[in-house]
Amino acid sequence: MNEDSQTKYLPDTASMIVIVRGSGDVGSAVAHCLFQHGFKVLIHDTPSPSATRRMMAFTDAIFDGKAALAGVSAERIDDLSALPRILSDQRSISVVTHDFDQVLHILHPDVLVDARMRKHHQPEVQIHLARLTIGLGPNFEAGITTHLAIETAWGDELGKIISKGNTHPLSGEPQTIAGHARDRYVYAPQRGVFRSGHRIGDRVEKGQPIAFIDELSLAAPLSGLIRGLTRDGVEVEAGTKVIEVDPRLEGAQIAGIGQRPGRIAQGVLEAVQNWIAQGQNSGDRLY
C-alpha cells in the first residue's frame, strides 16, 4: 500500500463497503453486526459451502436465494453489475459466489474481513486488497497477512484485536456442552456428495443413521438435537465437519447468533470503529 492510499479520506460509516469472506456462523455474525451499524455489507463464499450451522448463518441464501438471521435478511445477487446500486439501498446483506477478484474489482471495498475460518490452512497475504483488512482465526499475522487479526479461540482473549503478531495457533478441544466436546461432531471420512433427509433441530438418537456420503452411512454421534448439518447435495472433502449434535434437549441453541461468533463480531466492529476514529483524528492514517 503506497503513501497516497494510506492518507486517503475515510468515508463515513454509511458509505463504507465491507466484504466478509465466508458465510458460516462467524462470518454471518460479523456481517450481521456491521450491517446493523450502518455499513454496506457483502458476503462472498463458494457456490456450495459446507457450513453446518445454517440456522445460525446466512449460508442458505446461496442455495435458496434468501436467508434471515436475527432480524436481518440476506439475498444472493447474481448480477454483479447491480451490486453498487443494491449495496447503496442497504435493505439487506448481499451474498455473492462469483470470482472473488472480479468482485474486488467492481466494489473496491474499504474493509475486507476474512472469516472463512480455514483452521488448517495458511492464509494468503491479503493486506493489499482493501484499506483495512482483518483476519479471523489461527495462522493470521497482523501486519503481514492482514492489517489486523482477531482472536477466535475460546478464553479470555476471544474477540481480542491483534495489531502486531499472530493469533493463537489451533489447539485444544471444542467448547464442552453437557460433557461433550469433539464427540458432538461427525467429520466426512471420505470425499463425496453429502446427502441427508434430516433437518437442523431434529431429535436423533446415538447411532441413528442420519446422512450419507455417496454410499457410506453417517450416524448420530450421540443423542440430542441436530445443531449443524451440511446442506444436502454439497460435495465435501475428507475431514470436513458435516454434522453436529447438541446433547441438550432443553436450552439447545440451534438458531440465532452464538456467543462465540457474537464476541468475534464485536471485536471486528471495535477494530473497524477504532480504524475510522484513528483516521479521522490523525490525518486519515491507516494501520
C-alpha atoms as a PDB file:
ATOM      1  CA  MET A   1       0.000   0.000   0.000  1.00  0.00           C
ATOM      2  CA  ASN A   2       1.572   3.300  -1.077  1.00  0.00           C
ATOM      3  CA  GLU A   3       1.667   6.521   0.910  1.00  0.00           C
ATOM      4  CA  ASP A   4      -1.121   8.095  -1.160  1.00  0.00           C
ATOM      5  CA  SER A   5      -3.534   5.262  -0.388  1.00  0.00           C
ATOM      6  CA  GLN A   6      -2.607   5.468   3.274  1.00  0.00           C
ATOM      7  CA  THR A   7      -3.736   9.074   3.519  1.00  0.00           C
ATOM      8  CA  LYS A   8      -6.968   8.989   1.549  1.00  0.00           C
ATOM      9  CA  TYR A   9     -10.082  10.440   3.061  1.00  0.00           C
ATOM     10  CA  LEU A  10     -12.042   7.884   5.059  1.00  0.00           C
ATOM     11  CA  PRO A  11     -15.768   7.866   4.250  1.00  0.00           C
ATOM     12  CA  ASP A  12     -18.383   7.799   6.950  1.00  0.00           C
ATOM     13  CA  THR A  13     -19.931   4.512   8.011  1.00  0.00           C
ATOM     14  CA  ALA A  14     -22.957   4.756   5.725  1.00  0.00           C
ATOM     15  CA  SER A  15     -20.780   4.895   2.601  1.00  0.00           C
ATOM     16  CA  MET A  16     -18.211   2.272   3.575  1.00  0.00           C
ATOM     17  CA  ILE A  17     -18.265  -1.077   1.782  1.00  0.00           C
ATOM     18  CA  VAL A  18     -17.283  -4.190   3.715  1.00  0.00           C
ATOM     19  CA  ILE A  19     -16.677  -7.598   2.159  1.00  0.00           C
ATOM     20  CA  VAL A  20     -16.850 -10.565   4.522  1.00  0.00           C
ATOM     21  CA  ARG A  21     -15.313 -13.770   3.206  1.00  0.00           C
ATOM     22  CA  GLY A  22     -17.266 -16.801   4.453  1.00  0.00           C
ATOM     23  CA  SER A  23     -20.968 -17.349   5.112  1.00  0.00           C
ATOM     24  CA  GLY A  24     -20.634 -19.630   8.149  1.00  0.00           C
ATOM     25  CA  ASP A  25     -21.762 -18.695  11.645  1.00  0.00           C
ATOM     26  CA  VAL A  26     -18.716 -16.494  12.330  1.00  0.00           C
ATOM     27  CA  GLY A  27     -18.769 -14.656   9.014  1.00  0.00           C
ATOM     28  CA  SER A  28     -22.533 -14.219   9.260  1.00  0.00           C
ATOM     29  CA  ALA A  29     -22.285 -12.795  12.789  1.00  0.00           C
ATOM     30  CA  VAL A  30     -19.679 -10.294  11.582  1.00  0.00           C
ATOM     31  CA  ALA A  31     -21.788  -9.315   8.581  1.00  0.00           C
ATOM     32  CA  HIS A  32     -24.900  -9.001  10.763  1.00  0.00           C
ATOM     33  CA  CYS A  33     -23.118  -6.790  13.304  1.00  0.00           C
ATOM     34  CA  LEU A  34     -21.574  -4.444  10.744  1.00  0.00           C
ATOM     35  CA  PHE A  35     -24.814  -4.193   8.765  1.00  0.00           C
ATOM     36  CA  GLN A  36     -26.675  -3.269  11.951  1.00  0.00           C
ATOM     37  CA  HIS A  37     -24.147  -0.478  12.478  1.00  0.00           C
ATOM     38  CA  GLY A  38     -24.788   1.066   9.090  1.00  0.00           C
ATOM     39  CA  PHE A  39     -22.094  -0.431   6.859  1.00  0.00           C
ATOM     40  CA  LYS A  40     -22.754  -1.676   3.333  1.00  0.00           C
ATOM     41  CA  VAL A  41     -22.017  -5.373   3.720  1.00  0.00           C
ATOM     42  CA  LEU A  42     -21.448  -8.126   1.197  1.00  0.00           C
ATOM     43  CA  ILE A  43     -20.672 -11.776   1.948  1.00  0.00           C
ATOM     44  CA  HIS A  44     -18.549 -13.748  -0.509  1.00  0.00           C
ATOM     45  CA  ASP A  45     -18.390 -17.542  -0.487  1.00  0.00           C
ATOM     46  CA  THR A  46     -18.095 -20.560  -2.758  1.00  0.00           C
ATOM     47  CA  PRO A  47     -21.159 -21.749  -4.718  1.00  0.00           C
ATOM     48  CA  SER A  48     -21.561 -24.815  -2.453  1.00  0.00           C
ATOM     49  CA  PRO A  49     -20.275 -24.093   1.070  1.00  0.00           C
ATOM     50  CA  SER A  50     -20.182 -26.986   3.542  1.00  0.00           C
ATOM     51  CA  ALA A  51     -21.091 -24.853   6.598  1.00  0.00           C
ATOM     52  CA  THR A  52     -23.145 -26.824   9.125  1.00  0.00           C
ATOM     53  CA  ARG A  53     -24.744 -24.254  11.470  1.00  0.00           C
ATOM     54  CA  ARG A  54     -27.014 -22.956   8.747  1.00  0.00           C
ATOM     55  CA  MET A  55     -29.736 -21.675  11.092  1.00  0.00           C
ATOM     56  CA  MET A  56     -27.043 -19.575  12.751  1.00  0.00           C
ATOM     57  CA  ALA A  57     -25.799 -18.181   9.448  1.00  0.00           C
ATOM     58  CA  PHE A  58     -26.717 -16.701   6.084  1.00  0.00           C
ATOM     59  CA  THR A  59     -25.368 -19.750   4.227  1.00  0.00           C
ATOM     60  CA  ASP A  60     -28.724 -20.868   2.868  1.00  0.00           C
ATOM     61  CA  ALA A  61     -29.056 -17.638   0.881  1.00  0.00           C
ATOM     62  CA  ILE A  62     -26.549 -19.193  -1.502  1.00  0.00           C
ATOM     63  CA  PHE A  63     -28.838 -22.158  -2.112  1.00  0.00           C
ATOM     64  CA  ASP A  64     -32.294 -20.596  -1.715  1.00  0.00           C
ATOM     65  CA  GLY A  65     -31.702 -17.008  -2.810  1.00  0.00           C
ATOM     66  CA  LYS A  66     -32.638 -15.562   0.585  1.00  0.00           C
ATOM     67  CA  ALA A  67     -31.988 -16.220   4.262  1.00  0.00           C
ATOM     68  CA  ALA A  68     -32.658 -14.481   7.566  1.00  0.00           C
ATOM     69  CA  LEU A  69     -30.693 -14.322  10.808  1.00  0.00           C
ATOM     70  CA  ALA A  70     -31.715 -12.478  13.971  1.00  0.00           C
ATOM     71  CA  GLY A  71     -33.941  -9.990  12.212  1.00  0.00           C
ATOM     72  CA  VAL A  72     -31.619  -9.287   9.281  1.00  0.00           C
ATOM     73  CA  SER A  73     -32.100 -10.670   5.776  1.00  0.00           C
ATOM     74  CA  ALA A  74     -29.522 -11.628   3.171  1.00  0.00           C
ATOM     75  CA  GLU A  75     -30.062 -12.034  -0.553  1.00  0.00           C
ATOM     76  CA  ARG A  76     -27.975 -13.748  -3.210  1.00  0.00           C
ATOM     77  CA  ILE A  77     -27.043 -11.403  -6.037  1.00  0.00           C
ATOM     78  CA  ASP A  78     -26.439 -12.998  -9.425  1.00  0.00           C
ATOM     79  CA  ASP A  79     -25.963  -9.819 -11.465  1.00  0.00           C
ATOM     80  CA  LEU A  80     -22.659  -8.279 -10.428  1.00  0.00           C
ATOM     81  CA  SER A  81     -23.360  -5.103 -12.384  1.00  0.00           C
ATOM     82  CA  ALA A  82     -26.241  -4.403  -9.988  1.00  0.00           C
ATOM     83  CA  LEU A  83     -24.108  -4.682  -6.856  1.00  0.00           C
ATOM     84  CA  PRO A  84     -23.250  -0.974  -6.384  1.00  0.00           C
ATOM     85  CA  ARG A  85     -26.916   0.014  -6.645  1.00  0.00           C
ATOM     86  CA  ILE A  86     -28.099  -2.804  -4.373  1.00  0.00           C
ATOM     87  CA  LEU A  87     -25.493  -2.012  -1.732  1.00  0.00           C
ATOM     88  CA  SER A  88     -26.428   1.647  -1.779  1.00  0.00           C
ATOM     89  CA  ASP A  89     -30.025   0.690  -0.921  1.00  0.00           C
ATOM     90  CA  GLN A  90     -28.815  -1.131   2.213  1.00  0.00           C
ATOM     91  CA  ARG A  91     -32.035  -3.127   2.540  1.00  0.00           C
ATOM     92  CA  SER A  92     -30.268  -6.427   3.154  1.00  0.00           C
ATOM     93  CA  ILE A  93     -26.874  -8.077   3.172  1.00  0.00           C
ATOM     94  CA  SER A  94     -25.766  -9.094  -0.313  1.00  0.00           C
ATOM     95  CA  VAL A  95     -24.318 -12.569  -0.893  1.00  0.00           C
ATOM     96  CA  VAL A  96     -22.287 -13.495  -3.973  1.00  0.00           C
ATOM     97  CA  THR A  97     -20.381 -16.537  -5.211  1.00  0.00           C
ATOM     98  CA  HIS A  98     -18.738 -15.004  -8.273  1.00  0.00           C
ATOM     99  CA  ASP A  99     -14.999 -14.869  -8.884  1.00  0.00           C
ATOM    100  CA  PHE A 100     -13.519 -13.052  -5.901  1.00  0.00           C
ATOM    101  CA  ASP A 101     -11.110 -10.915  -7.905  1.00  0.00           C
ATOM    102  CA  GLN A 102     -13.989  -9.762 -10.092  1.00  0.00           C
ATOM    103  CA  VAL A 103     -15.987  -8.729  -7.023  1.00  0.00           C
ATOM    104  CA  LEU A 104     -12.999  -6.783  -5.673  1.00  0.00           C
ATOM    105  CA  HIS A 105     -12.566  -5.018  -8.993  1.00  0.00           C
ATOM    106  CA  ILE A 106     -16.196  -3.891  -9.032  1.00  0.00           C
ATOM    107  CA  LEU A 107     -16.519  -2.794  -5.406  1.00  0.00           C
ATOM    108  CA  HIS A 108     -13.057  -1.647  -4.225  1.00  0.00           C
ATOM    109  CA  PRO A 109     -14.053  -2.340  -0.582  1.00  0.00           C
ATOM    110  CA  ASP A 110     -12.958  -0.148   2.280  1.00  0.00           C
ATOM    111  CA  VAL A 111     -12.786  -3.146   4.630  1.00  0.00           C
ATOM    112  CA  LEU A 112     -12.146  -6.826   3.963  1.00  0.00           C
ATOM    113  CA  VAL A 113     -12.746  -9.430   6.689  1.00  0.00           C
ATOM    114  CA  ASP A 114     -11.549 -12.999   6.115  1.00  0.00           C
ATOM    115  CA  ALA A 115     -13.989 -15.048   8.203  1.00  0.00           C
ATOM    116  CA  ARG A 116     -13.614 -18.326   6.325  1.00  0.00           C
ATOM    117  CA  MET A 117     -12.179 -19.931   9.476  1.00  0.00           C
ATOM    118  CA  ARG A 118      -9.918 -22.262   7.494  1.00  0.00           C
ATOM    119  CA  LYS A 119      -8.150 -23.542  10.580  1.00  0.00           C
ATOM    120  CA  HIS A 120      -5.775 -25.910   8.806  1.00  0.00           C
ATOM    121  CA  HIS A 121      -4.756 -23.532   6.006  1.00  0.00           C
ATOM    122  CA  GLN A 122      -2.071 -20.893   5.888  1.00  0.00           C
ATOM    123  CA  PRO A 123      -3.817 -17.628   4.949  1.00  0.00           C
ATOM    124  CA  GLU A 124      -2.686 -15.894   1.809  1.00  0.00           C
ATOM    125  CA  VAL A 125      -1.446 -12.306   2.069  1.00  0.00           C
ATOM    126  CA  GLN A 126      -4.495 -10.036   1.728  1.00  0.00           C
ATOM    127  CA  ILE A 127      -3.179  -6.830   3.255  1.00  0.00           C
ATOM    128  CA  HIS A 128      -3.191  -5.082  -0.136  1.00  0.00           C
ATOM    129  CA  LEU A 129      -6.820  -5.906  -1.020  1.00  0.00           C
ATOM    130  CA  ALA A 130      -8.572  -3.139   0.959  1.00  0.00           C
ATOM    131  CA  ARG A 131      -7.832  -0.072   3.069  1.00  0.00           C
ATOM    132  CA  LEU A 132      -8.341  -2.202   6.159  1.00  0.00           C
ATOM    133  CA  THR A 133      -8.028  -5.988   6.152  1.00  0.00           C
ATOM    134  CA  ILE A 134      -8.865  -8.203   9.133  1.00  0.00           C
ATOM    135  CA  GLY A 135      -8.164 -11.920   9.527  1.00  0.00           C
ATOM    136  CA  LEU A 136     -10.109 -14.152  11.898  1.00  0.00           C
ATOM    137  CA  GLY A 137      -8.707 -17.314  13.411  1.00  0.00           C
ATOM    138  CA  PRO A 138      -5.464 -19.278  13.537  1.00  0.00           C
ATOM    139  CA  ASN A 139      -2.439 -18.558  11.336  1.00  0.00           C
ATOM    140  CA  PHE A 140      -3.112 -14.884  10.635  1.00  0.00           C
ATOM    141  CA  GLU A 141      -0.240 -12.480  11.331  1.00  0.00           C
ATOM    142  CA  ALA A 142      -1.257  -8.871  11.842  1.00  0.00           C
ATOM    143  CA  GLY A 143       0.851  -6.554   9.724  1.00  0.00           C
ATOM    144  CA  ILE A 144       1.778  -9.343   7.304  1.00  0.00           C
ATOM    145  CA  THR A 145      -1.218 -11.332   6.080  1.00  0.00           C
ATOM    146  CA  THR A 146      -3.745  -8.656   7.086  1.00  0.00           C
ATOM    147  CA  HIS A 147      -3.574  -5.289   8.835  1.00  0.00           C
ATOM    148  CA  LEU A 148      -5.268  -6.694  11.926  1.00  0.00           C
ATOM    149  CA  ALA A 149      -6.301 -10.082  13.283  1.00  0.00           C
ATOM    150  CA  ILE A 150      -8.964 -11.134  15.754  1.00  0.00           C
ATOM    151  CA  GLU A 151      -8.523 -13.928  18.286  1.00  0.00           C
ATOM    152  CA  THR A 152     -11.181 -16.614  17.805  1.00  0.00           C
ATOM    153  CA  ALA A 153     -10.138 -19.248  20.368  1.00  0.00           C
ATOM    154  CA  TRP A 154     -12.340 -19.698  23.442  1.00  0.00           C
ATOM    155  CA  GLY A 155     -10.954 -17.951  26.511  1.00  0.00           C
ATOM    156  CA  ASP A 156     -10.398 -14.528  27.989  1.00  0.00           C
ATOM    157  CA  GLU A 157      -8.872 -13.222  24.752  1.00  0.00           C
ATOM    158  CA  LEU A 158     -11.777 -14.255  22.499  1.00  0.00           C
ATOM    159  CA  GLY A 159     -12.502 -11.269  20.242  1.00  0.00           C
ATOM    160  CA  LYS A 160      -9.203  -9.528  21.075  1.00  0.00           C
ATOM    161  CA  ILE A 161      -7.838  -7.184  18.399  1.00  0.00           C
ATOM    162  CA  ILE A 162      -4.258  -8.022  17.412  1.00  0.00           C
ATOM    163  CA  SER A 163      -2.376  -5.215  15.682  1.00  0.00           C
ATOM    164  CA  LYS A 164       1.008  -6.955  15.587  1.00  0.00           C
ATOM    165  CA  GLY A 165       1.898 -10.620  15.628  1.00  0.00           C
ATOM    166  CA  ASN A 166      -0.061 -13.846  15.432  1.00  0.00           C
ATOM    167  CA  THR A 167      -3.335 -15.196  16.709  1.00  0.00           C
ATOM    168  CA  HIS A 168      -3.132 -18.321  18.860  1.00  0.00           C
ATOM    169  CA  PRO A 169      -2.313 -21.496  16.932  1.00  0.00           C
ATOM    170  CA  LEU A 170      -5.023 -24.118  16.558  1.00  0.00           C
ATOM    171  CA  SER A 171      -5.062 -26.254  19.695  1.00  0.00           C
ATOM    172  CA  GLY A 172      -7.300 -27.875  22.260  1.00  0.00           C
ATOM    173  CA  GLU A 173     -10.824 -29.191  22.031  1.00  0.00           C
ATOM    174  CA  PRO A 174     -14.107 -27.504  21.097  1.00  0.00           C
ATOM    175  CA  GLN A 175     -16.196 -25.990  23.854  1.00  0.00           C
ATOM    176  CA  THR A 176     -17.750 -28.638  26.091  1.00  0.00           C
ATOM    177  CA  ILE A 177     -21.550 -28.817  26.121  1.00  0.00           C
ATOM    178  CA  ALA A 178     -23.202 -31.096  28.668  1.00  0.00           C
ATOM    179  CA  GLY A 179     -19.985 -33.088  28.972  1.00  0.00           C
ATOM    180  CA  HIS A 180     -19.409 -33.471  25.233  1.00  0.00           C
ATOM    181  CA  ALA A 181     -16.767 -31.725  23.128  1.00  0.00           C
ATOM    182  CA  ARG A 182     -15.344 -33.104  19.865  1.00  0.00           C
ATOM    183  CA  ASP A 183     -17.569 -36.159  20.128  1.00  0.00           C
ATOM    184  CA  ARG A 184     -20.517 -33.900  19.219  1.00  0.00           C
ATOM    185  CA  TYR A 185     -19.268 -33.736  15.639  1.00  0.00           C
ATOM    186  CA  VAL A 186     -19.115 -36.028  12.637  1.00  0.00           C
ATOM    187  CA  TYR A 187     -16.389 -35.415  10.058  1.00  0.00           C
ATOM    188  CA  ALA A 188     -16.520 -36.699   6.495  1.00  0.00           C
ATOM    189  CA  PRO A 189     -14.462 -39.895   6.360  1.00  0.00           C
ATOM    190  CA  GLN A 190     -14.054 -39.545   2.603  1.00  0.00           C
ATOM    191  CA  ARG A 191     -14.642 -37.158  -0.254  1.00  0.00           C
ATOM    192  CA  GLY A 192     -18.085 -37.323  -1.817  1.00  0.00           C
ATOM    193  CA  VAL A 193     -21.578 -35.865  -2.036  1.00  0.00           C
ATOM    194  CA  PHE A 194     -23.280 -35.316   1.311  1.00  0.00           C
ATOM    195  CA  ARG A 195     -26.908 -36.436   1.487  1.00  0.00           C
ATOM    196  CA  SER A 196     -29.408 -36.139   4.326  1.00  0.00           C
ATOM    197  CA  GLY A 197     -33.168 -36.001   4.642  1.00  0.00           C
ATOM    198  CA  HIS A 198     -32.912 -34.629   8.172  1.00  0.00           C
ATOM    199  CA  ARG A 199     -33.186 -31.010   9.245  1.00  0.00           C
ATOM    200  CA  ILE A 200     -31.474 -28.871  11.840  1.00  0.00           C
ATOM    201  CA  GLY A 201     -33.487 -29.170  15.050  1.00  0.00           C
ATOM    202  CA  ASP A 202     -34.432 -32.819  14.526  1.00  0.00           C
ATOM    203  CA  ARG A 203     -34.127 -35.034  17.559  1.00  0.00           C
ATOM    204  CA  VAL A 204     -31.835 -38.015  16.999  1.00  0.00           C
ATOM    205  CA  GLU A 205     -30.570 -40.996  18.966  1.00  0.00           C
ATOM    206  CA  LYS A 206     -26.957 -42.094  19.211  1.00  0.00           C
ATOM    207  CA  GLY A 207     -26.094 -44.447  16.370  1.00  0.00           C
ATOM    208  CA  GLN A 208     -29.103 -43.432  14.275  1.00  0.00           C
ATOM    209  CA  PRO A 209     -28.233 -43.125  10.560  1.00  0.00           C
ATOM    210  CA  ILE A 210     -28.875 -39.531   9.512  1.00  0.00           C
ATOM    211  CA  ALA A 211     -26.764 -38.910   6.426  1.00  0.00           C
ATOM    212  CA  PHE A 212     -24.705 -40.448   3.632  1.00  0.00           C
ATOM    213  CA  ILE A 213     -21.589 -39.562   1.721  1.00  0.00           C
ATOM    214  CA  ASP A 214     -22.131 -41.411  -1.511  1.00  0.00           C
ATOM    215  CA  GLU A 215     -22.951 -44.910  -0.217  1.00  0.00           C
ATOM    216  CA  LEU A 216     -21.313 -44.522   3.204  1.00  0.00           C
ATOM    217  CA  SER A 217     -23.782 -44.086   6.075  1.00  0.00           C
ATOM    218  CA  LEU A 218     -23.130 -41.497   8.799  1.00  0.00           C
ATOM    219  CA  ALA A 219     -24.714 -41.936  12.233  1.00  0.00           C
ATOM    220  CA  ALA A 220     -25.542 -39.521  15.027  1.00  0.00           C
ATOM    221  CA  PRO A 221     -22.524 -39.420  17.387  1.00  0.00           C
ATOM    222  CA  LEU A 222     -24.784 -39.019  20.435  1.00  0.00           C
ATOM    223  CA  SER A 223     -28.420 -38.393  21.337  1.00  0.00           C
ATOM    224  CA  GLY A 224     -29.778 -34.859  21.166  1.00  0.00           C
ATOM    225  CA  LEU A 225     -30.821 -32.228  18.633  1.00  0.00           C
ATOM    226  CA  ILE A 226     -29.138 -31.673  15.285  1.00  0.00           C
ATOM    227  CA  ARG A 227     -27.404 -28.310  15.576  1.00  0.00           C
ATOM    228  CA  GLY A 228     -25.300 -28.437  12.452  1.00  0.00           C
ATOM    229  CA  LEU A 229     -25.872 -30.199   9.144  1.00  0.00           C
ATOM    230  CA  THR A 230     -24.181 -29.597   5.817  1.00  0.00           C
ATOM    231  CA  ARG A 231     -26.640 -28.808   3.062  1.00  0.00           C
ATOM    232  CA  ASP A 232     -27.970 -31.810   1.159  1.00  0.00           C
ATOM    233  CA  GLY A 233     -26.191 -32.296  -2.158  1.00  0.00           C
ATOM    234  CA  VAL A 234     -22.942 -30.497  -1.296  1.00  0.00           C
ATOM    235  CA  GLU A 235     -19.691 -32.189  -2.264  1.00  0.00           C
ATOM    236  CA  VAL A 236     -17.317 -32.314   0.710  1.00  0.00           C
ATOM    237  CA  GLU A 237     -13.679 -33.162   1.206  1.00  0.00           C
ATOM    238  CA  ALA A 238     -12.471 -35.820   3.626  1.00  0.00           C
ATOM    239  CA  GLY A 239     -12.161 -34.347   7.110  1.00  0.00           C
ATOM    240  CA  THR A 240     -14.883 -31.728   6.598  1.00  0.00           C
ATOM    241  CA  LYS A 241     -17.218 -31.179   9.554  1.00  0.00           C
ATOM    242  CA  VAL A 242     -20.678 -32.237   8.334  1.00  0.00           C
ATOM    243  CA  ILE A 243     -22.829 -32.975  11.414  1.00  0.00           C
ATOM    244  CA  GLU A 244     -23.114 -31.512  14.907  1.00  0.00           C
ATOM    245  CA  VAL A 245     -25.433 -32.740  17.652  1.00  0.00           C
ATOM    246  CA  ASP A 246     -26.299 -30.724  20.769  1.00  0.00           C
ATOM    247  CA  PRO A 247     -26.879 -33.168  23.651  1.00  0.00           C
ATOM    248  CA  ARG A 248     -29.242 -30.757  25.391  1.00  0.00           C
ATOM    249  CA  LEU A 249     -32.928 -31.221  24.730  1.00  0.00           C
ATOM    250  CA  GLU A 250     -33.733 -28.113  26.745  1.00  0.00           C
ATOM    251  CA  GLY A 251     -31.782 -24.944  26.106  1.00  0.00           C
ATOM    252  CA  ALA A 252     -30.039 -26.108  22.951  1.00  0.00           C
ATOM    253  CA  GLN A 253     -29.137 -23.238  20.634  1.00  0.00           C
ATOM    254  CA  ILE A 254     -29.704 -24.207  17.036  1.00  0.00           C
ATOM    255  CA  ALA A 255     -30.588 -20.774  15.621  1.00  0.00           C
ATOM    256  CA  GLY A 256     -29.538 -17.167  16.069  1.00  0.00           C
ATOM    257  CA  ILE A 257     -26.101 -15.732  16.783  1.00  0.00           C
ATOM    258  CA  GLY A 258     -23.985 -17.829  19.116  1.00  0.00           C
ATOM    259  CA  GLN A 259     -21.870 -16.489  21.957  1.00  0.00           C
ATOM    260  CA  ARG A 260     -18.502 -17.074  20.288  1.00  0.00           C
ATOM    261  CA  PRO A 261     -19.428 -15.644  16.857  1.00  0.00           C
ATOM    262  CA  GLY A 262     -21.052 -12.706  18.616  1.00  0.00           C
ATOM    263  CA  ARG A 263     -17.908 -11.880  20.584  1.00  0.00           C
ATOM    264  CA  ILE A 264     -15.756 -12.192  17.488  1.00  0.00           C
ATOM    265  CA  ALA A 265     -18.127  -9.875  15.626  1.00  0.00           C
ATOM    266  CA  GLN A 266     -17.855  -7.304  18.411  1.00  0.00           C
ATOM    267  CA  GLY A 267     -14.070  -7.470  18.106  1.00  0.00           C
ATOM    268  CA  VAL A 268     -14.309  -6.793  14.383  1.00  0.00           C
ATOM    269  CA  LEU A 269     -16.700  -3.895  14.943  1.00  0.00           C
ATOM    270  CA  GLU A 270     -14.384  -2.362  17.530  1.00  0.00           C
ATOM    271  CA  ALA A 271     -11.418  -2.762  15.190  1.00  0.00           C
ATOM    272  CA  VAL A 272     -13.224  -1.005  12.343  1.00  0.00           C
ATOM    273  CA  GLN A 273     -14.511   1.771  14.584  1.00  0.00           C
ATOM    274  CA  ASN A 274     -11.025   2.310  16.018  1.00  0.00           C
ATOM    275  CA  TRP A 275      -9.650   2.477  12.495  1.00  0.00           C
ATOM    276  CA  ILE A 276     -12.196   5.089  11.492  1.00  0.00           C
ATOM    277  CA  ALA A 277     -11.515   7.154  14.617  1.00  0.00           C
ATOM    278  CA  GLN A 278      -7.768   6.904  14.150  1.00  0.00           C
ATOM    279  CA  GLY A 279      -8.029   8.050  10.574  1.00  0.00           C
ATOM    280  CA  GLN A 280     -10.255  10.967  11.446  1.00  0.00           C
ATOM    281  CA  ASN A 281      -8.081  12.061  14.342  1.00  0.00           C
ATOM    282  CA  SER A 282      -4.615  11.518  12.896  1.00  0.00           C
ATOM    283  CA  GLY A 283      -4.612  12.695   9.307  1.00  0.00           C
ATOM    284  CA  ASP A 284      -6.601   9.732   7.962  1.00  0.00           C
ATOM    285  CA  ARG A 285      -3.597   7.472   8.509  1.00  0.00           C
ATOM    286  CA  LEU A 286      -4.342   3.751   8.368  1.00  0.00           C
ATOM    287  CA  TYR A 287      -2.716   0.827  10.098  1.00  0.00           C
END
